[in-house]
Amino acid sequence: PIEFNLTLLTHPEYLSMTVMPQELKKRIEKRWIE
């Protein structure tokens, strides 16, 4: 369960999570907290 490492894609920016609209970001946040 804890054997993982996450790298956040920051480049190219158009493929990063920050591009998503707010409603999708809220779904993602809920999924990861759960």
PDB file of all heavy atoms in Angstrom:
ATOM      1  N   PRO A   1       0.782  -1.247   0.000  1.00  0.00           N
ATOM      2  CA  PRO A   1       0.000   0.000   0.000  1.00  0.00           C
ATOM      3  C   PRO A   1       0.806   1.284   0.000  1.00  0.00           C
ATOM      4  O   PRO A   1       0.374   2.293  -0.580  1.00  0.00           O
ATOM      5  CB  PRO A   1      -0.847  -0.122   1.276  1.00  0.00           C
ATOM      6  CG  PRO A   1      -1.001  -1.594   1.481  1.00  0.00           C
ATOM      7  CD  PRO A   1       0.283  -2.200   1.020  1.00  0.00           C
ATOM      8  N   ILE A   2       1.982   1.314   0.628  1.00  0.00           N
ATOM      9  CA  ILE A   2       2.737   2.570   0.702  1.00  0.00           C
ATOM     10  C   ILE A   2       3.967   2.579  -0.196  1.00  0.00           C
ATOM     11  O   ILE A   2       4.766   3.514  -0.139  1.00  0.00           O
ATOM     12  CB  ILE A   2       3.155   2.902   2.152  1.00  0.00           C
ATOM     13  CG1 ILE A   2       4.078   1.826   2.718  1.00  0.00           C
ATOM     14  CG2 ILE A   2       1.924   3.104   3.032  1.00  0.00           C
ATOM     15  CD1 ILE A   2       4.708   2.232   4.054  1.00  0.00           C
ATOM     16  N   GLU A   3       4.111   1.565  -1.054  1.00  0.00           N
ATOM     17  CA  GLU A   3       5.265   1.511  -1.950  1.00  0.00           C
ATOM     18  C   GLU A   3       4.932   2.226  -3.263  1.00  0.00           C
ATOM     19  O   GLU A   3       4.674   1.614  -4.299  1.00  0.00           O
ATOM     20  CB  GLU A   3       5.695   0.072  -2.201  1.00  0.00           C
ATOM     21  CG  GLU A   3       6.270  -0.631  -0.976  1.00  0.00           C
ATOM     22  CD  GLU A   3       7.666  -0.114  -0.622  1.00  0.00           C
ATOM     23  OE1 GLU A   3       8.141   0.869  -1.202  1.00  0.00           O
ATOM     24  OE2 GLU A   3       8.302  -0.715   0.256  1.00  0.00           O
ATOM     25  N   PHE A   4       4.945   3.540  -3.203  1.00  0.00           N
ATOM     26  CA  PHE A   4       4.728   4.327  -4.415  1.00  0.00           C
ATOM     27  C   PHE A   4       5.381   5.692  -4.250  1.00  0.00           C
ATOM     28  O   PHE A   4       5.617   6.165  -3.139  1.00  0.00           O
ATOM     29  CB  PHE A   4       3.234   4.492  -4.725  1.00  0.00           C
ATOM     30  CG  PHE A   4       2.452   5.315  -3.723  1.00  0.00           C
ATOM     31  CD1 PHE A   4       2.303   6.686  -3.893  1.00  0.00           C
ATOM     32  CD2 PHE A   4       1.857   4.708  -2.631  1.00  0.00           C
ATOM     33  CE1 PHE A   4       1.571   7.435  -2.984  1.00  0.00           C
ATOM     34  CE2 PHE A   4       1.128   5.454  -1.708  1.00  0.00           C
ATOM     35  CZ  PHE A   4       0.984   6.818  -1.889  1.00  0.00           C
ATOM     36  N   ASN A   5       5.689   6.276  -5.389  1.00  0.00           N
ATOM     37  CA  ASN A   5       6.213   7.629  -5.417  1.00  0.00           C
ATOM     38  C   ASN A   5       5.522   8.384  -6.539  1.00  0.00           C
ATOM     39  O   ASN A   5       5.356   7.862  -7.645  1.00  0.00           O
ATOM     40  CB  ASN A   5       7.725   7.635  -5.645  1.00  0.00           C
ATOM     41  CG  ASN A   5       8.309   9.035  -5.556  1.00  0.00           C
ATOM     42  OD1 ASN A   5       8.107   9.743  -4.583  1.00  0.00           O
ATOM     43  ND2 ASN A   5       9.035   9.439  -6.585  1.00  0.00           N
ATOM     44  N   LEU A   6       5.096   9.597  -6.253  1.00  0.00           N
ATOM     45  CA  LEU A   6       4.350  10.394  -7.212  1.00  0.00           C
ATOM     46  C   LEU A   6       5.208  11.547  -7.711  1.00  0.00           C
ATOM     47  O   LEU A   6       5.779  12.295  -6.923  1.00  0.00           O
ATOM     48  CB  LEU A   6       3.066  10.946  -6.580  1.00  0.00           C
ATOM     49  CG  LEU A   6       2.112   9.925  -5.957  1.00  0.00           C
ATOM     50  CD1 LEU A   6       0.927  10.642  -5.329  1.00  0.00           C
ATOM     51  CD2 LEU A   6       1.636   8.910  -6.984  1.00  0.00           C
ATOM     52  N   THR A   7       5.292  11.660  -9.008  1.00  0.00           N
ATOM     53  CA  THR A   7       5.929  12.812  -9.638  1.00  0.00           C
ATOM     54  C   THR A   7       4.843  13.640 -10.310  1.00  0.00           C
ATOM     55  O   THR A   7       4.023  13.109 -11.059  1.00  0.00           O
ATOM     56  CB  THR A   7       6.964  12.372 -10.686  1.00  0.00           C
ATOM     57  OG1 THR A   7       7.996  11.616 -10.039  1.00  0.00           O
ATOM     58  CG2 THR A   7       7.591  13.575 -11.361  1.00  0.00           C
ATOM     59  N   LEU A   8       4.834  14.912 -10.028  1.00  0.00           N
ATOM     60  CA  LEU A   8       3.823  15.795 -10.595  1.00  0.00           C
ATOM     61  C   LEU A   8       4.303  16.317 -11.943  1.00  0.00           C
ATOM     62  O   LEU A   8       5.376  16.923 -12.027  1.00  0.00           O
ATOM     63  CB  LEU A   8       3.541  16.964  -9.650  1.00  0.00           C
ATOM     64  CG  LEU A   8       3.155  16.585  -8.217  1.00  0.00           C
ATOM     65  CD1 LEU A   8       2.937  17.831  -7.379  1.00  0.00           C
ATOM     66  CD2 LEU A   8       1.913  15.715  -8.201  1.00  0.00           C
ATOM     67  N   LEU A   9       3.549  16.057 -12.978  1.00  0.00           N
ATOM     68  CA  LEU A   9       3.910  16.568 -14.288  1.00  0.00           C
ATOM     69  C   LEU A   9       3.696  18.085 -14.309  1.00  0.00           C
ATOM     70  O   LEU A   9       2.584  18.563 -14.122  1.00  0.00           O
ATOM     71  CB  LEU A   9       3.066  15.906 -15.381  1.00  0.00           C
ATOM     72  CG  LEU A   9       3.463  16.210 -16.830  1.00  0.00           C
ATOM     73  CD1 LEU A   9       3.142  15.034 -17.737  1.00  0.00           C
ATOM     74  CD2 LEU A   9       2.768  17.467 -17.362  1.00  0.00           C
ATOM     75  N   THR A  10       4.767  18.813 -14.522  1.00  0.00           N
ATOM     76  CA  THR A  10       4.701  20.274 -14.591  1.00  0.00           C
ATOM     77  C   THR A  10       5.022  20.803 -15.980  1.00  0.00           C
ATOM     78  O   THR A  10       4.763  21.970 -16.271  1.00  0.00           O
ATOM     79  CB  THR A  10       5.663  20.908 -13.567  1.00  0.00           C
ATOM     80  OG1 THR A  10       7.014  20.478 -13.857  1.00  0.00           O
ATOM     81  CG2 THR A  10       5.306  20.487 -12.150  1.00  0.00           C
ATOM     82  N   HIS A  11       5.614  19.951 -16.821  1.00  0.00           N
ATOM     83  CA  HIS A  11       5.992  20.361 -18.166  1.00  0.00           C
ATOM     84  C   HIS A  11       5.739  19.215 -19.133  1.00  0.00           C
ATOM     85  O   HIS A  11       6.104  18.065 -18.838  1.00  0.00           O
ATOM     86  CB  HIS A  11       7.468  20.757 -18.206  1.00  0.00           C
ATOM     87  CG  HIS A  11       7.923  21.248 -19.541  1.00  0.00           C
ATOM     88  ND1 HIS A  11       7.728  22.533 -19.964  1.00  0.00           N
ATOM     89  CD2 HIS A  11       8.538  20.613 -20.567  1.00  0.00           C
ATOM     90  CE1 HIS A  11       8.223  22.679 -21.174  1.00  0.00           C
ATOM     91  NE2 HIS A  11       8.728  21.531 -21.567  1.00  0.00           N
ATOM     92  N   PRO A  12       5.106  19.447 -20.277  1.00  0.00           N
ATOM     93  CA  PRO A  12       4.511  20.727 -20.674  1.00  0.00           C
ATOM     94  C   PRO A  12       3.275  21.081 -19.841  1.00  0.00           C
ATOM     95  O   PRO A  12       2.526  20.176 -19.445  1.00  0.00           O
ATOM     96  CB  PRO A  12       4.142  20.508 -22.139  1.00  0.00           C
ATOM     97  CG  PRO A  12       3.938  19.031 -22.257  1.00  0.00           C
ATOM     98  CD  PRO A  12       4.911  18.404 -21.301  1.00  0.00           C
ATOM     99  N   GLU A  13       3.081  22.370 -19.608  1.00  0.00           N
ATOM    100  CA  GLU A  13       2.028  22.834 -18.711  1.00  0.00           C
ATOM    101  C   GLU A  13       0.643  22.423 -19.158  1.00  0.00           C
ATOM    102  O   GLU A  13      -0.237  22.207 -18.330  1.00  0.00           O
ATOM    103  CB  GLU A  13       2.092  24.357 -18.548  1.00  0.00           C
ATOM    104  CG  GLU A  13       3.173  24.834 -17.606  1.00  0.00           C
ATOM    105  CD  GLU A  13       3.075  26.322 -17.342  1.00  0.00           C
ATOM    106  OE1 GLU A  13       2.873  27.102 -18.301  1.00  0.00           O
ATOM    107  OE2 GLU A  13       3.199  26.711 -16.181  1.00  0.00           O
ATOM    108  N   TYR A  14       0.414  22.311 -20.477  1.00  0.00           N
ATOM    109  CA  TYR A  14      -0.931  21.986 -20.951  1.00  0.00           C
ATOM    110  C   TYR A  14      -1.348  20.550 -20.606  1.00  0.00           C
ATOM    111  O   TYR A  14      -2.509  20.186 -20.786  1.00  0.00           O
ATOM    112  CB  TYR A  14      -1.065  22.246 -22.451  1.00  0.00           C
ATOM    113  CG  TYR A  14      -0.168  21.411 -23.343  1.00  0.00           C
ATOM    114  CD1 TYR A  14      -0.531  20.120 -23.716  1.00  0.00           C
ATOM    115  CD2 TYR A  14       1.035  21.910 -23.808  1.00  0.00           C
ATOM    116  CE1 TYR A  14       0.284  19.340 -24.515  1.00  0.00           C
ATOM    117  CE2 TYR A  14       1.870  21.141 -24.618  1.00  0.00           C
ATOM    118  CZ  TYR A  14       1.482  19.867 -24.966  1.00  0.00           C
ATOM    119  OH  TYR A  14       2.292  19.098 -25.754  1.00  0.00           O
ATOM    120  N   LEU A  15      -0.418  19.736 -20.103  1.00  0.00           N
ATOM    121  CA  LEU A  15      -0.742  18.380 -19.650  1.00  0.00           C
ATOM    122  C   LEU A  15      -0.780  18.271 -18.123  1.00  0.00           C
ATOM    123  O   LEU A  15      -0.975  17.190 -17.585  1.00  0.00           O
ATOM    124  CB  LEU A  15       0.265  17.371 -20.200  1.00  0.00           C
ATOM    125  CG  LEU A  15       0.283  17.161 -21.713  1.00  0.00           C
ATOM    126  CD1 LEU A  15       1.285  16.074 -22.082  1.00  0.00           C
ATOM    127  CD2 LEU A  15      -1.094  16.782 -22.233  1.00  0.00           C
ATOM    128  N   SER A  16      -0.606  19.378 -17.424  1.00  0.00           N
ATOM    129  CA  SER A  16      -0.605  19.343 -15.966  1.00  0.00           C
ATOM    130  C   SER A  16      -2.029  19.434 -15.420  1.00  0.00           C
ATOM    131  O   SER A  16      -2.960  19.874 -16.105  1.00  0.00           O
ATOM    132  CB  SER A  16       0.245  20.481 -15.397  1.00  0.00           C
ATOM    133  OG  SER A  16      -0.476  21.667 -15.293  1.00  0.00           O
ATOM    134  N   MET A  17      -2.172  19.030 -14.171  1.00  0.00           N
ATOM    135  CA  MET A  17      -3.479  19.080 -13.512  1.00  0.00           C
ATOM    136  C   MET A  17      -4.040  20.489 -13.405  1.00  0.00           C
ATOM    137  O   MET A  17      -5.247  20.686 -13.309  1.00  0.00           O
ATOM    138  CB  MET A  17      -3.392  18.483 -12.106  1.00  0.00           C
ATOM    139  CG  MET A  17      -3.017  17.043 -12.027  1.00  0.00           C
ATOM    140  SD  MET A  17      -3.037  16.489 -10.302  1.00  0.00           S
ATOM    141  CE  MET A  17      -1.633  17.388  -9.633  1.00  0.00           C
ATOM    142  N   THR A  18      -3.158  21.482 -13.387  1.00  0.00           N
ATOM    143  CA  THR A  18      -3.583  22.870 -13.180  1.00  0.00           C
ATOM    144  C   THR A  18      -4.437  23.397 -14.319  1.00  0.00           C
ATOM    145  O   THR A  18      -5.081  24.438 -14.183  1.00  0.00           O
ATOM    146  CB  THR A  18      -2.367  23.787 -12.994  1.00  0.00           C
ATOM    147  OG1 THR A  18      -1.541  23.729 -14.171  1.00  0.00           O
ATOM    148  CG2 THR A  18      -1.555  23.350 -11.778  1.00  0.00           C
ATOM    149  N   VAL A  19      -4.464  22.691 -15.453  1.00  0.00           N
ATOM    150  CA  VAL A  19      -5.261  23.113 -16.600  1.00  0.00           C
ATOM    151  C   VAL A  19      -6.750  22.844 -16.379  1.00  0.00           C
ATOM    152  O   VAL A  19      -7.605  23.511 -16.954  1.00  0.00           O
ATOM    153  CB  VAL A  19      -4.770  22.405 -17.881  1.00  0.00           C
ATOM    154  CG1 VAL A  19      -5.669  22.683 -19.065  1.00  0.00           C
ATOM    155  CG2 VAL A  19      -3.333  22.808 -18.181  1.00  0.00           C
ATOM    156  N   MET A  20      -7.065  21.915 -15.513  1.00  0.00           N
ATOM    157  CA  MET A  20      -8.447  21.481 -15.339  1.00  0.00           C
ATOM    158  C   MET A  20      -9.339  22.579 -14.759  1.00  0.00           C
ATOM    159  O   MET A  20      -8.906  23.365 -13.919  1.00  0.00           O
ATOM    160  CB  MET A  20      -8.503  20.261 -14.425  1.00  0.00           C
ATOM    161  CG  MET A  20      -7.915  19.006 -15.050  1.00  0.00           C
ATOM    162  SD  MET A  20      -8.080  17.613 -13.964  1.00  0.00           S
ATOM    163  CE  MET A  20      -7.612  16.267 -15.015  1.00  0.00           C
ATOM    164  N   PRO A  21     -10.605  22.604 -15.182  1.00  0.00           N
ATOM    165  CA  PRO A  21     -11.552  23.541 -14.579  1.00  0.00           C
ATOM    166  C   PRO A  21     -11.859  23.167 -13.134  1.00  0.00           C
ATOM    167  O   PRO A  21     -11.616  22.032 -12.700  1.00  0.00           O
ATOM    168  CB  PRO A  21     -12.797  23.402 -15.459  1.00  0.00           C
ATOM    169  CG  PRO A  21     -12.680  22.047 -16.074  1.00  0.00           C
ATOM    170  CD  PRO A  21     -11.212  21.816 -16.265  1.00  0.00           C
ATOM    171  N   GLN A  22     -12.402  24.087 -12.404  1.00  0.00           N
ATOM    172  CA  GLN A  22     -12.591  23.942 -10.973  1.00  0.00           C
ATOM    173  C   GLN A  22     -13.422  22.715 -10.600  1.00  0.00           C
ATOM    174  O   GLN A  22     -13.106  22.019  -9.639  1.00  0.00           O
ATOM    175  CB  GLN A  22     -13.221  25.207 -10.399  1.00  0.00           C
ATOM    176  CG  GLN A  22     -13.229  25.262  -8.886  1.00  0.00           C
ATOM    177  CD  GLN A  22     -13.716  26.584  -8.343  1.00  0.00           C
ATOM    178  OE1 GLN A  22     -14.858  26.949  -8.513  1.00  0.00           O
ATOM    179  NE2 GLN A  22     -12.874  27.326  -7.701  1.00  0.00           N
ATOM    180  N   GLU A  23     -14.482  22.431 -11.345  1.00  0.00           N
ATOM    181  CA  GLU A  23     -15.342  21.314 -10.960  1.00  0.00           C
ATOM    182  C   GLU A  23     -14.617  19.969 -11.060  1.00  0.00           C
ATOM    183  O   GLU A  23     -14.849  19.068 -10.245  1.00  0.00           O
ATOM    184  CB  GLU A  23     -16.620  21.299 -11.790  1.00  0.00           C
ATOM    185  CG  GLU A  23     -16.413  21.131 -13.277  1.00  0.00           C
ATOM    186  CD  GLU A  23     -17.728  21.240 -14.032  1.00  0.00           C
ATOM    187  OE1 GLU A  23     -18.450  20.237 -14.093  1.00  0.00           O
ATOM    188  OE2 GLU A  23     -18.001  22.329 -14.560  1.00  0.00           O
ATOM    189  N   LEU A  24     -13.713  19.828 -12.055  1.00  0.00           N
ATOM    190  CA  LEU A  24     -12.929  18.614 -12.138  1.00  0.00           C
ATOM    191  C   LEU A  24     -11.904  18.546 -11.014  1.00  0.00           C
ATOM    192  O   LEU A  24     -11.631  17.476 -10.462  1.00  0.00           O
ATOM    193  CB  LEU A  24     -12.235  18.515 -13.496  1.00  0.00           C
ATOM    194  CG  LEU A  24     -12.997  17.826 -14.620  1.00  0.00           C
ATOM    195  CD1 LEU A  24     -12.208  17.876 -15.920  1.00  0.00           C
ATOM    196  CD2 LEU A  24     -13.305  16.371 -14.254  1.00  0.00           C
ATOM    197  N   LYS A  25     -11.325  19.675 -10.672  1.00  0.00           N
ATOM    198  CA  LYS A  25     -10.371  19.713  -9.560  1.00  0.00           C
ATOM    199  C   LYS A  25     -11.035  19.275  -8.252  1.00  0.00           C
ATOM    200  O   LYS A  25     -10.412  18.585  -7.440  1.00  0.00           O
ATOM    201  CB  LYS A  25      -9.786  21.113  -9.413  1.00  0.00           C
ATOM    202  CG  LYS A  25      -8.776  21.482 -10.496  1.00  0.00           C
ATOM    203  CD  LYS A  25      -8.170  22.860 -10.239  1.00  0.00           C
ATOM    204  CE  LYS A  25      -7.097  23.189 -11.273  1.00  0.00           C
ATOM    205  NZ  LYS A  25      -6.486  24.527 -11.034  1.00  0.00           N
ATOM    206  N   LYS A  26     -12.272  19.665  -8.055  1.00  0.00           N
ATOM    207  CA  LYS A  26     -12.988  19.275  -6.835  1.00  0.00           C
ATOM    208  C   LYS A  26     -13.194  17.764  -6.796  1.00  0.00           C
ATOM    209  O   LYS A  26     -13.076  17.146  -5.731  1.00  0.00           O
ATOM    210  CB  LYS A  26     -14.330  20.000  -6.759  1.00  0.00           C
ATOM    211  CG  LYS A  26     -14.218  21.484  -6.427  1.00  0.00           C
ATOM    212  CD  LYS A  26     -15.585  22.142  -6.373  1.00  0.00           C
ATOM    213  CE  LYS A  26     -15.470  23.616  -5.998  1.00  0.00           C
ATOM    214  NZ  LYS A  26     -16.813  24.287  -6.004  1.00  0.00           N
ATOM    215  N   ARG A  27     -13.518  17.147  -7.953  1.00  0.00           N
ATOM    216  CA  ARG A  27     -13.678  15.693  -8.017  1.00  0.00           C
ATOM    217  C   ARG A  27     -12.358  14.993  -7.699  1.00  0.00           C
ATOM    218  O   ARG A  27     -12.336  13.986  -6.970  1.00  0.00           O
ATOM    219  CB  ARG A  27     -14.166  15.269  -9.397  1.00  0.00           C
ATOM    220  CG  ARG A  27     -15.611  15.586  -9.700  1.00  0.00           C
ATOM    221  CD  ARG A  27     -15.975  15.155 -11.113  1.00  0.00           C
ATOM    222  NE  ARG A  27     -15.816  13.699 -11.273  1.00  0.00           N
ATOM    223  CZ  ARG A  27     -15.913  13.087 -12.462  1.00  0.00           C
ATOM    224  NH1 ARG A  27     -16.107  13.805 -13.566  1.00  0.00           N
ATOM    225  NH2 ARG A  27     -15.762  11.772 -12.551  1.00  0.00           N
ATOM    226  N   ILE A  28     -11.279  15.516  -8.232  1.00  0.00           N
ATOM    227  CA  ILE A  28      -9.958  14.936  -7.988  1.00  0.00           C
ATOM    228  C   ILE A  28      -9.590  15.033  -6.514  1.00  0.00           C
ATOM    229  O   ILE A  28      -9.122  14.074  -5.903  1.00  0.00           O
ATOM    230  CB  ILE A  28      -8.900  15.633  -8.862  1.00  0.00           C
ATOM    231  CG1 ILE A  28      -9.135  15.277 -10.332  1.00  0.00           C
ATOM    232  CG2 ILE A  28      -7.483  15.248  -8.430  1.00  0.00           C
ATOM    233  CD1 ILE A  28      -8.356  16.155 -11.287  1.00  0.00           C
ATOM    234  N   GLU A  29      -9.797  16.184  -5.927  1.00  0.00           N
ATOM    235  CA  GLU A  29      -9.482  16.386  -4.512  1.00  0.00           C
ATOM    236  C   GLU A  29     -10.241  15.391  -3.639  1.00  0.00           C
ATOM    237  O   GLU A  29      -9.675  14.752  -2.752  1.00  0.00           O
ATOM    238  CB  GLU A  29      -9.818  17.813  -4.093  1.00  0.00           C
ATOM    239  CG  GLU A  29      -9.481  18.114  -2.626  1.00  0.00           C
ATOM    240  CD  GLU A  29      -9.731  19.567  -2.279  1.00  0.00           C
ATOM    241  OE1 GLU A  29     -10.867  20.044  -2.539  1.00  0.00           O
ATOM    242  OE2 GLU A  29      -8.835  20.232  -1.762  1.00  0.00           O
ATOM    243  N   LYS A  30     -11.522  15.226  -3.895  1.00  0.00           N
ATOM    244  CA  LYS A  30     -12.343  14.289  -3.131  1.00  0.00           C
ATOM    245  C   LYS A  30     -11.832  12.863  -3.282  1.00  0.00           C
ATOM    246  O   LYS A  30     -11.737  12.114  -2.291  1.00  0.00           O
ATOM    247  CB  LYS A  30     -13.802  14.378  -3.606  1.00  0.00           C
ATOM    248  CG  LYS A  30     -14.782  13.492  -2.831  1.00  0.00           C
ATOM    249  CD  LYS A  30     -16.216  13.769  -3.303  1.00  0.00           C
ATOM    250  CE  LYS A  30     -17.240  12.954  -2.508  1.00  0.00           C
ATOM    251  NZ  LYS A  30     -17.122  11.505  -2.754  1.00  0.00           N
ATOM    252  N   ARG A  31     -11.478  12.482  -4.499  1.00  0.00           N
ATOM    253  CA  ARG A  31     -10.990  11.130  -4.765  1.00  0.00           C
ATOM    254  C   ARG A  31      -9.705  10.844  -3.982  1.00  0.00           C
ATOM    255  O   ARG A  31      -9.535   9.763  -3.404  1.00  0.00           O
ATOM    256  CB  ARG A  31     -10.755  10.963  -6.260  1.00  0.00           C
ATOM    257  CG  ARG A  31     -10.288   9.574  -6.699  1.00  0.00           C
ATOM    258  CD  ARG A  31     -11.402   8.536  -6.574  1.00  0.00           C
ATOM    259  NE  ARG A  31     -12.570   8.867  -7.329  1.00  0.00           N
ATOM    260  CZ  ARG A  31     -12.737   8.540  -8.642  1.00  0.00           C
ATOM    261  NH1 ARG A  31     -11.789   7.901  -9.307  1.00  0.00           N
ATOM    262  NH2 ARG A  31     -13.875   8.846  -9.245  1.00  0.00           N
ATOM    263  N   TRP A  32      -8.784  11.792  -3.934  1.00  0.00           N
ATOM    264  CA  TRP A  32      -7.507  11.565  -3.265  1.00  0.00           C
ATOM    265  C   TRP A  32      -7.638  11.581  -1.744  1.00  0.00           C
ATOM    266  O   TRP A  32      -6.935  10.822  -1.058  1.00  0.00           O
ATOM    267  CB  TRP A  32      -6.473  12.593  -3.725  1.00  0.00           C
ATOM    268  CG  TRP A  32      -5.887  12.247  -5.059  1.00  0.00           C
ATOM    269  CD1 TRP A  32      -6.375  12.626  -6.284  1.00  0.00           C
ATOM    270  CD2 TRP A  32      -4.752  11.443  -5.313  1.00  0.00           C
ATOM    271  NE1 TRP A  32      -5.592  12.104  -7.288  1.00  0.00           N
ATOM    272  CE2 TRP A  32      -4.576  11.381  -6.726  1.00  0.00           C
ATOM    273  CE3 TRP A  32      -3.845  10.775  -4.510  1.00  0.00           C
ATOM    274  CZ2 TRP A  32      -3.545  10.661  -7.324  1.00  0.00           C
ATOM    275  CZ3 TRP A  32      -2.803  10.059  -5.109  1.00  0.00           C
ATOM    276  CH2 TRP A  32      -2.672  10.004  -6.492  1.00  0.00           C
ATOM    277  N   ILE A  33      -8.505  12.388  -1.212  1.00  0.00           N
ATOM    278  CA  ILE A  33      -8.743  12.384   0.238  1.00  0.00           C
ATOM    279  C   ILE A  33      -9.321  11.038   0.662  1.00  0.00           C
ATOM    280  O   ILE A  33      -8.911  10.452   1.669  1.00  0.00           O
ATOM    281  CB  ILE A  33      -9.667  13.550   0.641  1.00  0.00           C
ATOM    282  CG1 ILE A  33      -8.924  14.888   0.460  1.00  0.00           C
ATOM    283  CG2 ILE A  33     -10.142  13.395   2.084  1.00  0.00           C
ATOM    284  CD1 ILE A  33      -9.801  16.100   0.658  1.00  0.00           C
ATOM    285  N   GLU A  34     -10.271  10.523  -0.109  1.00  0.00           N
ATOM    286  CA  GLU A  34     -10.829   9.201   0.162  1.00  0.00           C
ATOM    287  C   GLU A  34      -9.775   8.112   0.028  1.00  0.00           C
ATOM    288  O   GLU A  34      -9.754   7.164   0.807  1.00  0.00           O
ATOM    289  CB  GLU A  34     -11.999   8.931  -0.790  1.00  0.00           C
ATOM    290  CG  GLU A  34     -13.212   9.807  -0.555  1.00  0.00           C
ATOM    291  CD  GLU A  34     -14.272   9.650  -1.627  1.00  0.00           C
ATOM    292  OE1 GLU A  34     -13.982   9.021  -2.681  1.00  0.00           O
ATOM    293  OE2 GLU A  34     -15.402  10.166  -1.444  1.00  0.00           O
TER     294      GLU A  34
END
